[in-house]
Amino acid sequence: MNMLNANNKAWAILIIIIVFSLMTGCSKIFGNLKENQSKQNQDQRKSPPKTLTSLENTTESMYKDIQEVIDKRAEEQQQDEQKTDKQQEQQQQDQQQSDQQQNNASTEEKPQQDDQKDKQGSQNKGQEEKSDNKQDKPIDIDWNNMKKNVEKLQNSWSHYASVAIKDGASNEIIKEFENQLDLVTTKVMEMQEESLLSAVNDLYKFYPNFLDLYKHQAPPNLKTMKYHIRRIMIESEDNKWVQSNKSLESIKQAWETAKARMKKPDQDMNQKVQTAIDSFSRSVQQKNKHLIKLKGEILISILEEIK
């Protein structure tokens, strides 16, 4: 009797092992099938509509135009500061020379010195007038061009919105994008420059969601990375660091997802991206806004190389 019980237990254990092995094997098979099916679905999808491509390109163009104006202003301000420092230094040197000449000069040379001072004063005044005349006009955003761009965005969106819903975009994404587009449009039409760059970047963040509905070569997650990189760059200029760690984490998560979705991963390129991410992250942790801007732009340019 005991022998029978032992045999029954042995058979039960053996059956459990066999069933477990079959379940594990099936899960792997179904997992592979699911992955292959996902790739097949991706291959079967249609290419992004031209209206969506136009929306993204116009938004990208607006961002770059605004950033270019900001960069030029910063460069001009730096040049003005350097010029002011040189002028102050020259004035100090002139004053020291003048004081020394006055101490060494005799009473007979005073009329000659007075003439030299008058001449020098006239020259300085003339130089200042020339400098004022040469001053460039304040660098400003080309609002006429910006208005044309938002009109183009609104027109493209009116054609694409219904297509996006048909192709699987959620009502929530549609509503959020439209609200952000209206915000950008209002800022441009009223020439509200404050936070305009951030508003345009916040519009850009929706494109990966739309592009995910279609066939693509490079994973749309790379554009999600671009959005978060730019967000950190924008906020660092105003010394806003509250969201920087969260944005860094979003960049890293988007990169892991992008790598997993690549059809033919380029290991050398992936390592190049990872190195750039690590370097950018260190600059963010150091709160060095100059390095953040430089390394952020480098990282974005590397991401754009992925096709």
C-alpha atoms as a PDB file:
ATOM      1  CA  MET A   1       0.000   0.000   0.000  1.00  0.00           C
ATOM      2  CA  ASN A   2       2.800   2.367   0.917  1.00  0.00           C
ATOM      3  CA  MET A   3       4.529   1.366  -2.309  1.00  0.00           C
ATOM      4  CA  LEU A   4       1.456   2.321  -4.330  1.00  0.00           C
ATOM      5  CA  ASN A   5       1.231   5.717  -2.612  1.00  0.00           C
ATOM      6  CA  ALA A   6       4.897   6.368  -3.362  1.00  0.00           C
ATOM      7  CA  ASN A   7       4.374   5.455  -7.014  1.00  0.00           C
ATOM      8  CA  ASN A   8       1.309   7.704  -7.226  1.00  0.00           C
ATOM      9  CA  LYS A   9       3.275  10.624  -5.760  1.00  0.00           C
ATOM     10  CA  ALA A  10       6.108  10.027  -8.215  1.00  0.00           C
ATOM     11  CA  TRP A  11       3.688   9.996 -11.145  1.00  0.00           C
ATOM     12  CA  ALA A  12       1.990  13.146  -9.855  1.00  0.00           C
ATOM     13  CA  ILE A  13       5.330  14.965  -9.605  1.00  0.00           C
ATOM     14  CA  LEU A  14       6.293  13.792 -13.086  1.00  0.00           C
ATOM     15  CA  ILE A  15       2.986  15.009 -14.528  1.00  0.00           C
ATOM     16  CA  ILE A  16       3.419  18.410 -12.852  1.00  0.00           C
ATOM     17  CA  ILE A  17       6.924  18.740 -14.315  1.00  0.00           C
ATOM     18  CA  ILE A  18       5.674  17.825 -17.795  1.00  0.00           C
ATOM     19  CA  VAL A  19       2.751  20.282 -17.597  1.00  0.00           C
ATOM     20  CA  PHE A  20       5.035  23.070 -16.332  1.00  0.00           C
ATOM     21  CA  SER A  21       7.494  22.418 -19.161  1.00  0.00           C
ATOM     22  CA  LEU A  22       4.716  22.511 -21.730  1.00  0.00           C
ATOM     23  CA  MET A  23       3.350  25.775 -20.298  1.00  0.00           C
ATOM     24  CA  THR A  24       6.800  27.390 -20.347  1.00  0.00           C
ATOM     25  CA  GLY A  25       7.412  26.263 -23.899  1.00  0.00           C
ATOM     26  CA  CYS A  26       4.008  27.489 -25.026  1.00  0.00           C
ATOM     27  CA  SER A  27       4.502  30.879 -23.391  1.00  0.00           C
ATOM     28  CA  LYS A  28       7.783  31.295 -25.265  1.00  0.00           C
ATOM     29  CA  ILE A  29       6.165  30.229 -28.514  1.00  0.00           C
ATOM     30  CA  PHE A  30       3.224  32.603 -28.027  1.00  0.00           C
ATOM     31  CA  GLY A  31       5.628  35.355 -26.975  1.00  0.00           C
ATOM     32  CA  ASN A  32       7.611  34.951 -30.176  1.00  0.00           C
ATOM     33  CA  LEU A  33       4.407  34.811 -32.185  1.00  0.00           C
ATOM     34  CA  LYS A  34       3.194  38.018 -30.519  1.00  0.00           C
ATOM     35  CA  GLU A  35       6.494  39.771 -31.253  1.00  0.00           C
ATOM     36  CA  ASN A  36       6.457  38.602 -34.877  1.00  0.00           C
ATOM     37  CA  GLN A  37       2.813  39.620 -35.197  1.00  0.00           C
ATOM     38  CA  SER A  38       3.656  43.076 -33.844  1.00  0.00           C
ATOM     39  CA  LYS A  39       6.411  43.457 -36.452  1.00  0.00           C
ATOM     40  CA  GLN A  40       4.053  42.248 -39.177  1.00  0.00           C
ATOM     41  CA  ASN A  41       1.413  44.761 -38.058  1.00  0.00           C
ATOM     42  CA  GLN A  42       4.046  47.499 -38.201  1.00  0.00           C
ATOM     43  CA  ASP A  43       5.004  46.461 -41.743  1.00  0.00           C
ATOM     44  CA  GLN A  44       1.352  46.407 -42.789  1.00  0.00           C
ATOM     45  CA  ARG A  45       0.659  49.936 -41.556  1.00  0.00           C
ATOM     46  CA  LYS A  46       0.488  52.822 -43.998  1.00  0.00           C
ATOM     47  CA  SER A  47       2.987  55.662 -44.146  1.00  0.00           C
ATOM     48  CA  PRO A  48       2.270  58.876 -42.182  1.00  0.00           C
ATOM     49  CA  PRO A  49      -0.080  61.272 -44.024  1.00  0.00           C
ATOM     50  CA  LYS A  50       1.526  64.340 -45.588  1.00  0.00           C
ATOM     51  CA  THR A  51      -0.572  66.586 -43.344  1.00  0.00           C
ATOM     52  CA  LEU A  52       1.009  65.019 -40.235  1.00  0.00           C
ATOM     53  CA  THR A  53       4.489  65.405 -41.711  1.00  0.00           C
ATOM     54  CA  SER A  54       3.675  69.041 -42.485  1.00  0.00           C
ATOM     55  CA  LEU A  55       2.494  69.623 -38.904  1.00  0.00           C
ATOM     56  CA  GLU A  56       5.683  68.228 -37.426  1.00  0.00           C
ATOM     57  CA  ASN A  57       8.001  70.052 -39.844  1.00  0.00           C
ATOM     58  CA  THR A  58       6.266  73.401 -39.305  1.00  0.00           C
ATOM     59  CA  THR A  59       6.426  73.031 -35.520  1.00  0.00           C
ATOM     60  CA  GLU A  60      10.108  72.092 -35.717  1.00  0.00           C
ATOM     61  CA  SER A  61      10.792  75.113 -37.936  1.00  0.00           C
ATOM     62  CA  MET A  62       9.048  77.441 -35.462  1.00  0.00           C
ATOM     63  CA  TYR A  63      11.074  76.069 -32.573  1.00  0.00           C
ATOM     64  CA  LYS A  64      14.372  76.552 -34.397  1.00  0.00           C
ATOM     65  CA  ASP A  65      13.470  80.097 -35.504  1.00  0.00           C
ATOM     66  CA  ILE A  66      12.617  81.169 -31.954  1.00  0.00           C
ATOM     67  CA  GLN A  67      15.723  79.494 -30.542  1.00  0.00           C
ATOM     68  CA  GLU A  68      17.878  81.233 -33.148  1.00  0.00           C
ATOM     69  CA  VAL A  69      16.599  84.645 -32.016  1.00  0.00           C
ATOM     70  CA  ILE A  70      17.272  83.779 -28.371  1.00  0.00           C
ATOM     71  CA  ASP A  71      20.807  82.619 -29.215  1.00  0.00           C
ATOM     72  CA  LYS A  72      21.560  85.768 -31.226  1.00  0.00           C
ATOM     73  CA  ARG A  73      20.370  87.968 -28.374  1.00  0.00           C
ATOM     74  CA  ALA A  74      22.556  86.101 -25.914  1.00  0.00           C
ATOM     75  CA  GLU A  75      25.545  86.457 -28.238  1.00  0.00           C
ATOM     76  CA  GLU A  76      24.885  90.172 -28.714  1.00  0.00           C
ATOM     77  CA  GLN A  77      24.539  90.706 -24.968  1.00  0.00           C
ATOM     78  CA  GLN A  78      27.844  88.945 -24.376  1.00  0.00           C
ATOM     79  CA  GLN A  79      29.544  91.122 -26.995  1.00  0.00           C
ATOM     80  CA  ASP A  80      28.074  94.277 -25.438  1.00  0.00           C
ATOM     81  CA  GLU A  81      29.319  93.254 -22.001  1.00  0.00           C
ATOM     82  CA  GLN A  82      32.805  92.606 -23.359  1.00  0.00           C
ATOM     83  CA  LYS A  83      32.723  95.944 -25.176  1.00  0.00           C
ATOM     84  CA  THR A  84      31.657  97.764 -22.003  1.00  0.00           C
ATOM     85  CA  ASP A  85      34.460  96.128 -20.026  1.00  0.00           C
ATOM     86  CA  LYS A  86      37.016  97.227 -22.634  1.00  0.00           C
ATOM     87  CA  GLN A  87      35.662 100.777 -22.647  1.00  0.00           C
ATOM     88  CA  GLN A  88      35.837 100.999 -18.867  1.00  0.00           C
ATOM     89  CA  GLU A  89      39.375  99.655 -18.918  1.00  0.00           C
ATOM     90  CA  GLN A  90      40.377 102.187 -21.596  1.00  0.00           C
ATOM     91  CA  GLN A  91      38.793 105.022 -19.633  1.00  0.00           C
ATOM     92  CA  GLN A  92      40.756 104.052 -16.538  1.00  0.00           C
ATOM     93  CA  GLN A  93      43.986 103.984 -18.540  1.00  0.00           C
ATOM     94  CA  ASP A  94      43.217 107.381 -20.102  1.00  0.00           C
ATOM     95  CA  GLN A  95      42.448 108.835 -16.686  1.00  0.00           C
ATOM     96  CA  GLN A  96      45.704 107.526 -15.251  1.00  0.00           C
ATOM     97  CA  GLN A  97      47.675 108.971 -18.164  1.00  0.00           C
ATOM     98  CA  SER A  98      45.896 112.290 -17.829  1.00  0.00           C
ATOM     99  CA  ASP A  99      46.610 112.459 -14.095  1.00  0.00           C
ATOM    100  CA  GLN A 100      50.253 111.631 -14.695  1.00  0.00           C
ATOM    101  CA  GLN A 101      50.577 114.296 -17.387  1.00  0.00           C
ATOM    102  CA  GLN A 102      49.012 116.885 -15.129  1.00  0.00           C
ATOM    103  CA  ASN A 103      51.446 116.082 -12.319  1.00  0.00           C
ATOM    104  CA  ASN A 104      54.479 116.292 -14.627  1.00  0.00           C
ATOM    105  CA  ALA A 105      53.410 119.256 -16.685  1.00  0.00           C
ATOM    106  CA  SER A 106      54.642 122.763 -15.997  1.00  0.00           C
ATOM    107  CA  THR A 107      52.468 125.828 -15.958  1.00  0.00           C
ATOM    108  CA  GLU A 108      53.798 126.812 -19.407  1.00  0.00           C
ATOM    109  CA  GLU A 109      52.457 123.571 -20.954  1.00  0.00           C
ATOM    110  CA  LYS A 110      48.943 123.943 -19.573  1.00  0.00           C
ATOM    111  CA  PRO A 111      47.494 125.720 -22.642  1.00  0.00           C
ATOM    112  CA  GLN A 112      48.873 122.957 -24.895  1.00  0.00           C
ATOM    113  CA  GLN A 113      47.444 120.269 -22.625  1.00  0.00           C
ATOM    114  CA  ASP A 114      44.080 121.982 -22.592  1.00  0.00           C
ATOM    115  CA  ASP A 115      44.105 121.934 -26.394  1.00  0.00           C
ATOM    116  CA  GLN A 116      44.973 118.210 -26.366  1.00  0.00           C
ATOM    117  CA  LYS A 117      42.174 117.497 -23.894  1.00  0.00           C
ATOM    118  CA  ASP A 118      39.681 119.380 -26.032  1.00  0.00           C
ATOM    119  CA  LYS A 119      40.886 117.483 -29.114  1.00  0.00           C
ATOM    120  CA  GLN A 120      40.733 114.142 -27.305  1.00  0.00           C
ATOM    121  CA  GLY A 121      37.278 114.947 -25.958  1.00  0.00           C
ATOM    122  CA  SER A 122      36.068 115.742 -29.450  1.00  0.00           C
ATOM    123  CA  GLN A 123      37.525 112.483 -30.760  1.00  0.00           C
ATOM    124  CA  ASN A 124      35.897 110.441 -27.984  1.00  0.00           C
ATOM    125  CA  LYS A 125      32.579 112.140 -28.587  1.00  0.00           C
ATOM    126  CA  GLY A 126      32.842 111.444 -32.299  1.00  0.00           C
ATOM    127  CA  GLN A 127      33.642 107.792 -31.641  1.00  0.00           C
ATOM    128  CA  GLU A 128      30.666 107.466 -29.302  1.00  0.00           C
ATOM    129  CA  GLU A 129      28.378 108.990 -31.931  1.00  0.00           C
ATOM    130  CA  LYS A 130      29.703 106.580 -34.565  1.00  0.00           C
ATOM    131  CA  SER A 131      29.200 103.700 -32.142  1.00  0.00           C
ATOM    132  CA  ASP A 132      25.608 104.757 -31.501  1.00  0.00           C
ATOM    133  CA  ASN A 133      24.954 105.051 -35.233  1.00  0.00           C
ATOM    134  CA  LYS A 134      26.349 101.585 -35.857  1.00  0.00           C
ATOM    135  CA  GLN A 135      24.130  99.934 -33.249  1.00  0.00           C
ATOM    136  CA  ASP A 136      21.933  97.297 -34.845  1.00  0.00           C
ATOM    137  CA  LYS A 137      18.209  97.196 -34.391  1.00  0.00           C
ATOM    138  CA  PRO A 138      17.016  94.968 -31.529  1.00  0.00           C
ATOM    139  CA  ILE A 139      16.844  91.330 -32.602  1.00  0.00           C
ATOM    140  CA  ASP A 140      13.199  90.344 -32.693  1.00  0.00           C
ATOM    141  CA  ILE A 141      11.110  87.375 -33.737  1.00  0.00           C
ATOM    142  CA  ASP A 142       9.769  87.498 -37.274  1.00  0.00           C
ATOM    143  CA  TRP A 143       6.145  87.672 -36.197  1.00  0.00           C
ATOM    144  CA  ASN A 144       4.794  87.821 -39.753  1.00  0.00           C
ATOM    145  CA  ASN A 145       6.502  84.528 -40.528  1.00  0.00           C
ATOM    146  CA  MET A 146       5.313  83.070 -37.211  1.00  0.00           C
ATOM    147  CA  LYS A 147       1.723  84.027 -38.029  1.00  0.00           C
ATOM    148  CA  LYS A 148       2.009  82.302 -41.397  1.00  0.00           C
ATOM    149  CA  ASN A 149       3.302  79.200 -39.619  1.00  0.00           C
ATOM    150  CA  VAL A 150       0.421  79.002 -37.121  1.00  0.00           C
ATOM    151  CA  GLU A 151      -2.060  79.524 -39.953  1.00  0.00           C
ATOM    152  CA  LYS A 152      -0.378  76.640 -41.747  1.00  0.00           C
ATOM    153  CA  LEU A 153      -0.574  74.518 -38.585  1.00  0.00           C
ATOM    154  CA  GLN A 154      -4.273  75.232 -38.114  1.00  0.00           C
ATOM    155  CA  ASN A 155      -4.983  74.437 -41.762  1.00  0.00           C
ATOM    156  CA  SER A 156      -3.018  71.160 -41.677  1.00  0.00           C
ATOM    157  CA  TRP A 157      -4.679  70.161 -38.414  1.00  0.00           C
ATOM    158  CA  SER A 158      -8.185  70.791 -39.801  1.00  0.00           C
ATOM    159  CA  HIS A 159      -7.386  68.243 -42.517  1.00  0.00           C
ATOM    160  CA  TYR A 160      -5.594  65.720 -40.302  1.00  0.00           C
ATOM    161  CA  ALA A 161      -7.806  65.631 -37.160  1.00  0.00           C
ATOM    162  CA  SER A 162     -10.496  63.399 -38.671  1.00  0.00           C
ATOM    163  CA  VAL A 163      -7.834  61.190 -40.271  1.00  0.00           C
ATOM    164  CA  ALA A 164      -6.101  60.786 -36.902  1.00  0.00           C
ATOM    165  CA  ILE A 165      -9.327  59.592 -35.266  1.00  0.00           C
ATOM    166  CA  LYS A 166      -9.953  57.166 -38.124  1.00  0.00           C
ATOM    167  CA  ASP A 167      -6.388  55.831 -37.819  1.00  0.00           C
ATOM    168  CA  GLY A 168      -6.751  55.144 -34.098  1.00  0.00           C
ATOM    169  CA  ALA A 169      -5.819  58.319 -32.199  1.00  0.00           C
ATOM    170  CA  SER A 170      -7.677  58.719 -28.909  1.00  0.00           C
ATOM    171  CA  ASN A 171     -10.137  61.562 -28.345  1.00  0.00           C
ATOM    172  CA  GLU A 172      -8.019  62.654 -25.381  1.00  0.00           C
ATOM    173  CA  ILE A 173      -4.892  63.116 -27.523  1.00  0.00           C
ATOM    174  CA  ILE A 174      -6.916  64.957 -30.172  1.00  0.00           C
ATOM    175  CA  LYS A 175      -8.347  67.355 -27.587  1.00  0.00           C
ATOM    176  CA  GLU A 176      -5.009  67.972 -25.837  1.00  0.00           C
ATOM    177  CA  PHE A 177      -3.209  68.646 -29.114  1.00  0.00           C
ATOM    178  CA  GLU A 178      -5.901  71.051 -30.264  1.00  0.00           C
ATOM    179  CA  ASN A 179      -5.796  72.948 -26.952  1.00  0.00           C
ATOM    180  CA  GLN A 180      -2.013  73.288 -27.188  1.00  0.00           C
ATOM    181  CA  LEU A 181      -2.208  74.373 -30.828  1.00  0.00           C
ATOM    182  CA  ASP A 182      -4.735  77.067 -29.897  1.00  0.00           C
ATOM    183  CA  LEU A 183      -2.433  78.249 -27.096  1.00  0.00           C
ATOM    184  CA  VAL A 184       0.524  78.570 -29.483  1.00  0.00           C
ATOM    185  CA  THR A 185      -1.669  80.334 -32.049  1.00  0.00           C
ATOM    186  CA  THR A 186      -2.919  82.859 -29.480  1.00  0.00           C
ATOM    187  CA  LYS A 187       0.602  83.622 -28.269  1.00  0.00           C
ATOM    188  CA  VAL A 188       1.799  84.227 -31.825  1.00  0.00           C
ATOM    189  CA  MET A 189      -1.179  86.343 -32.891  1.00  0.00           C
ATOM    190  CA  GLU A 190      -0.797  88.517 -29.781  1.00  0.00           C
ATOM    191  CA  MET A 191       3.015  88.497 -30.147  1.00  0.00           C
ATOM    192  CA  GLN A 192       3.473  87.082 -26.648  1.00  0.00           C
ATOM    193  CA  GLU A 193       7.091  86.041 -26.686  1.00  0.00           C
ATOM    194  CA  GLU A 194       7.228  84.919 -23.047  1.00  0.00           C
ATOM    195  CA  SER A 195       7.229  81.105 -22.773  1.00  0.00           C
ATOM    196  CA  LEU A 196       6.506  80.793 -26.513  1.00  0.00           C
ATOM    197  CA  LEU A 197       9.459  78.446 -27.030  1.00  0.00           C
ATOM    198  CA  SER A 198       8.178  76.177 -24.264  1.00  0.00           C
ATOM    199  CA  ALA A 199       4.652  76.237 -25.717  1.00  0.00           C
ATOM    200  CA  VAL A 200       5.930  75.193 -29.156  1.00  0.00           C
ATOM    201  CA  ASN A 201       7.979  72.392 -27.586  1.00  0.00           C
ATOM    202  CA  ASP A 202       4.894  71.211 -25.681  1.00  0.00           C
ATOM    203  CA  LEU A 203       3.086  71.019 -29.022  1.00  0.00           C
ATOM    204  CA  TYR A 204       5.895  68.893 -30.460  1.00  0.00           C
ATOM    205  CA  LYS A 205       5.520  66.253 -27.734  1.00  0.00           C
ATOM    206  CA  PHE A 206       2.273  64.964 -29.291  1.00  0.00           C
ATOM    207  CA  TYR A 207       3.799  63.909 -32.615  1.00  0.00           C
ATOM    208  CA  PRO A 208       5.303  60.616 -31.345  1.00  0.00           C
ATOM    209  CA  ASN A 209       1.757  59.549 -30.360  1.00  0.00           C
ATOM    210  CA  PHE A 210       0.453  60.258 -33.852  1.00  0.00           C
ATOM    211  CA  LEU A 211       3.465  58.757 -35.635  1.00  0.00           C
ATOM    212  CA  ASP A 212       3.027  55.536 -33.647  1.00  0.00           C
ATOM    213  CA  LEU A 213      -0.137  54.928 -35.661  1.00  0.00           C
ATOM    214  CA  TYR A 214       1.847  54.522 -38.873  1.00  0.00           C
ATOM    215  CA  LYS A 215       4.776  52.750 -40.465  1.00  0.00           C
ATOM    216  CA  HIS A 216       8.127  54.223 -39.486  1.00  0.00           C
ATOM    217  CA  GLN A 217      11.841  53.521 -39.779  1.00  0.00           C
ATOM    218  CA  ALA A 218      13.231  55.194 -36.643  1.00  0.00           C
ATOM    219  CA  PRO A 219      11.065  54.626 -33.530  1.00  0.00           C
ATOM    220  CA  PRO A 220       8.918  57.696 -32.654  1.00  0.00           C
ATOM    221  CA  ASN A 221      10.255  57.396 -29.095  1.00  0.00           C
ATOM    222  CA  LEU A 222      13.344  59.247 -30.352  1.00  0.00           C
ATOM    223  CA  LYS A 223      11.132  62.309 -30.820  1.00  0.00           C
ATOM    224  CA  THR A 224       9.885  61.877 -27.259  1.00  0.00           C
ATOM    225  CA  MET A 225      13.519  62.043 -26.174  1.00  0.00           C
ATOM    226  CA  LYS A 226      14.003  65.235 -28.193  1.00  0.00           C
ATOM    227  CA  TYR A 227      11.018  66.838 -26.452  1.00  0.00           C
ATOM    228  CA  HIS A 228      12.358  66.075 -22.955  1.00  0.00           C
ATOM    229  CA  ILE A 229      15.914  67.156 -23.849  1.00  0.00           C
ATOM    230  CA  ARG A 230      14.605  70.499 -25.053  1.00  0.00           C
ATOM    231  CA  ARG A 231      12.401  70.862 -22.005  1.00  0.00           C
ATOM    232  CA  ILE A 232      15.427  70.529 -19.742  1.00  0.00           C
ATOM    233  CA  MET A 233      17.357  73.014 -21.904  1.00  0.00           C
ATOM    234  CA  ILE A 234      14.529  75.576 -21.765  1.00  0.00           C
ATOM    235  CA  GLU A 235      13.923  75.271 -18.031  1.00  0.00           C
ATOM    236  CA  SER A 236      17.632  75.364 -17.178  1.00  0.00           C
ATOM    237  CA  GLU A 237      17.872  78.851 -18.718  1.00  0.00           C
ATOM    238  CA  ASP A 238      15.452  80.035 -16.014  1.00  0.00           C
ATOM    239  CA  ASN A 239      17.159  77.942 -13.316  1.00  0.00           C
ATOM    240  CA  LYS A 240      14.131  75.660 -13.017  1.00  0.00           C
ATOM    241  CA  TRP A 241      15.314  72.240 -11.888  1.00  0.00           C
ATOM    242  CA  VAL A 242      12.171  70.745 -10.306  1.00  0.00           C
ATOM    243  CA  GLN A 243      11.276  68.569 -13.308  1.00  0.00           C
ATOM    244  CA  SER A 244      14.819  67.909 -14.569  1.00  0.00           C
ATOM    245  CA  ASN A 245      15.258  64.509 -12.886  1.00  0.00           C
ATOM    246  CA  LYS A 246      11.815  63.394 -14.040  1.00  0.00           C
ATOM    247  CA  SER A 247      12.612  64.474 -17.601  1.00  0.00           C
ATOM    248  CA  LEU A 248      15.951  62.643 -17.454  1.00  0.00           C
ATOM    249  CA  GLU A 249      14.156  59.467 -16.416  1.00  0.00           C
ATOM    250  CA  SER A 250      11.697  59.922 -19.294  1.00  0.00           C
ATOM    251  CA  ILE A 251      14.628  60.259 -21.712  1.00  0.00           C
ATOM    252  CA  LYS A 252      16.185  57.021 -20.451  1.00  0.00           C
ATOM    253  CA  GLN A 253      12.870  55.121 -20.588  1.00  0.00           C
ATOM    254  CA  ALA A 254      12.145  56.365 -24.115  1.00  0.00           C
ATOM    255  CA  TRP A 255      15.623  55.269 -25.205  1.00  0.00           C
ATOM    256  CA  GLU A 256      15.171  51.747 -23.826  1.00  0.00           C
ATOM    257  CA  THR A 257      11.840  51.473 -25.644  1.00  0.00           C
ATOM    258  CA  ALA A 258      13.350  52.838 -28.857  1.00  0.00           C
ATOM    259  CA  LYS A 259      16.168  50.272 -28.776  1.00  0.00           C
ATOM    260  CA  ALA A 260      13.696  47.431 -28.292  1.00  0.00           C
ATOM    261  CA  ARG A 261      11.680  48.581 -31.312  1.00  0.00           C
ATOM    262  CA  MET A 262      14.581  48.892 -33.757  1.00  0.00           C
ATOM    263  CA  LYS A 263      14.395  46.402 -36.633  1.00  0.00           C
ATOM    264  CA  LYS A 264      18.141  46.412 -37.288  1.00  0.00           C
ATOM    265  CA  PRO A 265      19.916  47.876 -34.251  1.00  0.00           C
ATOM    266  CA  ASP A 266      23.239  49.579 -34.938  1.00  0.00           C
ATOM    267  CA  GLN A 267      25.273  48.732 -31.845  1.00  0.00           C
ATOM    268  CA  ASP A 268      27.905  51.391 -32.536  1.00  0.00           C
ATOM    269  CA  MET A 269      25.248  54.080 -32.956  1.00  0.00           C
ATOM    270  CA  ASN A 270      23.381  52.898 -29.863  1.00  0.00           C
ATOM    271  CA  GLN A 271      26.563  53.131 -27.810  1.00  0.00           C
ATOM    272  CA  LYS A 272      27.143  56.618 -29.202  1.00  0.00           C
ATOM    273  CA  VAL A 273      23.667  57.662 -28.063  1.00  0.00           C
ATOM    274  CA  GLN A 274      24.119  56.093 -24.624  1.00  0.00           C
ATOM    275  CA  THR A 275      27.414  57.923 -24.116  1.00  0.00           C
ATOM    276  CA  ALA A 276      25.772  61.225 -25.108  1.00  0.00           C
ATOM    277  CA  ILE A 277      22.857  60.574 -22.717  1.00  0.00           C
ATOM    278  CA  ASP A 278      25.254  59.896 -19.833  1.00  0.00           C
ATOM    279  CA  SER A 279      27.231  63.054 -20.595  1.00  0.00           C
ATOM    280  CA  PHE A 280      24.059  65.150 -20.823  1.00  0.00           C
ATOM    281  CA  SER A 281      22.774  63.663 -17.546  1.00  0.00           C
ATOM    282  CA  ARG A 282      25.963  64.632 -15.712  1.00  0.00           C
ATOM    283  CA  SER A 283      25.611  68.227 -16.896  1.00  0.00           C
ATOM    284  CA  VAL A 284      22.006  68.303 -15.677  1.00  0.00           C
ATOM    285  CA  GLN A 285      23.010  66.951 -12.267  1.00  0.00           C
ATOM    286  CA  GLN A 286      25.700  69.656 -12.101  1.00  0.00           C
ATOM    287  CA  LYS A 287      23.079  72.280 -13.072  1.00  0.00           C
ATOM    288  CA  ASN A 288      25.518  73.718 -15.612  1.00  0.00           C
ATOM    289  CA  LYS A 289      23.221  75.491 -18.095  1.00  0.00           C
ATOM    290  CA  HIS A 290      26.006  76.150 -20.620  1.00  0.00           C
ATOM    291  CA  LEU A 291      26.962  72.466 -20.807  1.00  0.00           C
ATOM    292  CA  ILE A 292      23.294  71.452 -20.802  1.00  0.00           C
ATOM    293  CA  LYS A 293      22.630  73.505 -23.929  1.00  0.00           C
ATOM    294  CA  LEU A 294      25.783  72.326 -25.705  1.00  0.00           C
ATOM    295  CA  LYS A 295      25.426  68.631 -24.848  1.00  0.00           C
ATOM    296  CA  GLY A 296      21.663  68.692 -25.364  1.00  0.00           C
ATOM    297  CA  GLU A 297      22.117  69.926 -28.926  1.00  0.00           C
ATOM    298  CA  ILE A 298      24.796  67.283 -29.523  1.00  0.00           C
ATOM    299  CA  LEU A 299      22.499  64.530 -28.238  1.00  0.00           C
ATOM    300  CA  ILE A 300      19.624  65.697 -30.454  1.00  0.00           C
ATOM    301  CA  SER A 301      21.883  65.795 -33.531  1.00  0.00           C
ATOM    302  CA  ILE A 302      22.994  62.204 -32.812  1.00  0.00           C
ATOM    303  CA  LEU A 303      19.383  61.043 -32.428  1.00  0.00           C
ATOM    304  CA  GLU A 304      18.546  62.601 -35.800  1.00  0.00           C
ATOM    305  CA  GLU A 305      21.229  60.409 -37.404  1.00  0.00           C
ATOM    306  CA  ILE A 306      19.189  57.293 -36.585  1.00  0.00           C
ATOM    307  CA  LYS A 307      17.149  56.322 -39.635  1.00  0.00           C
END
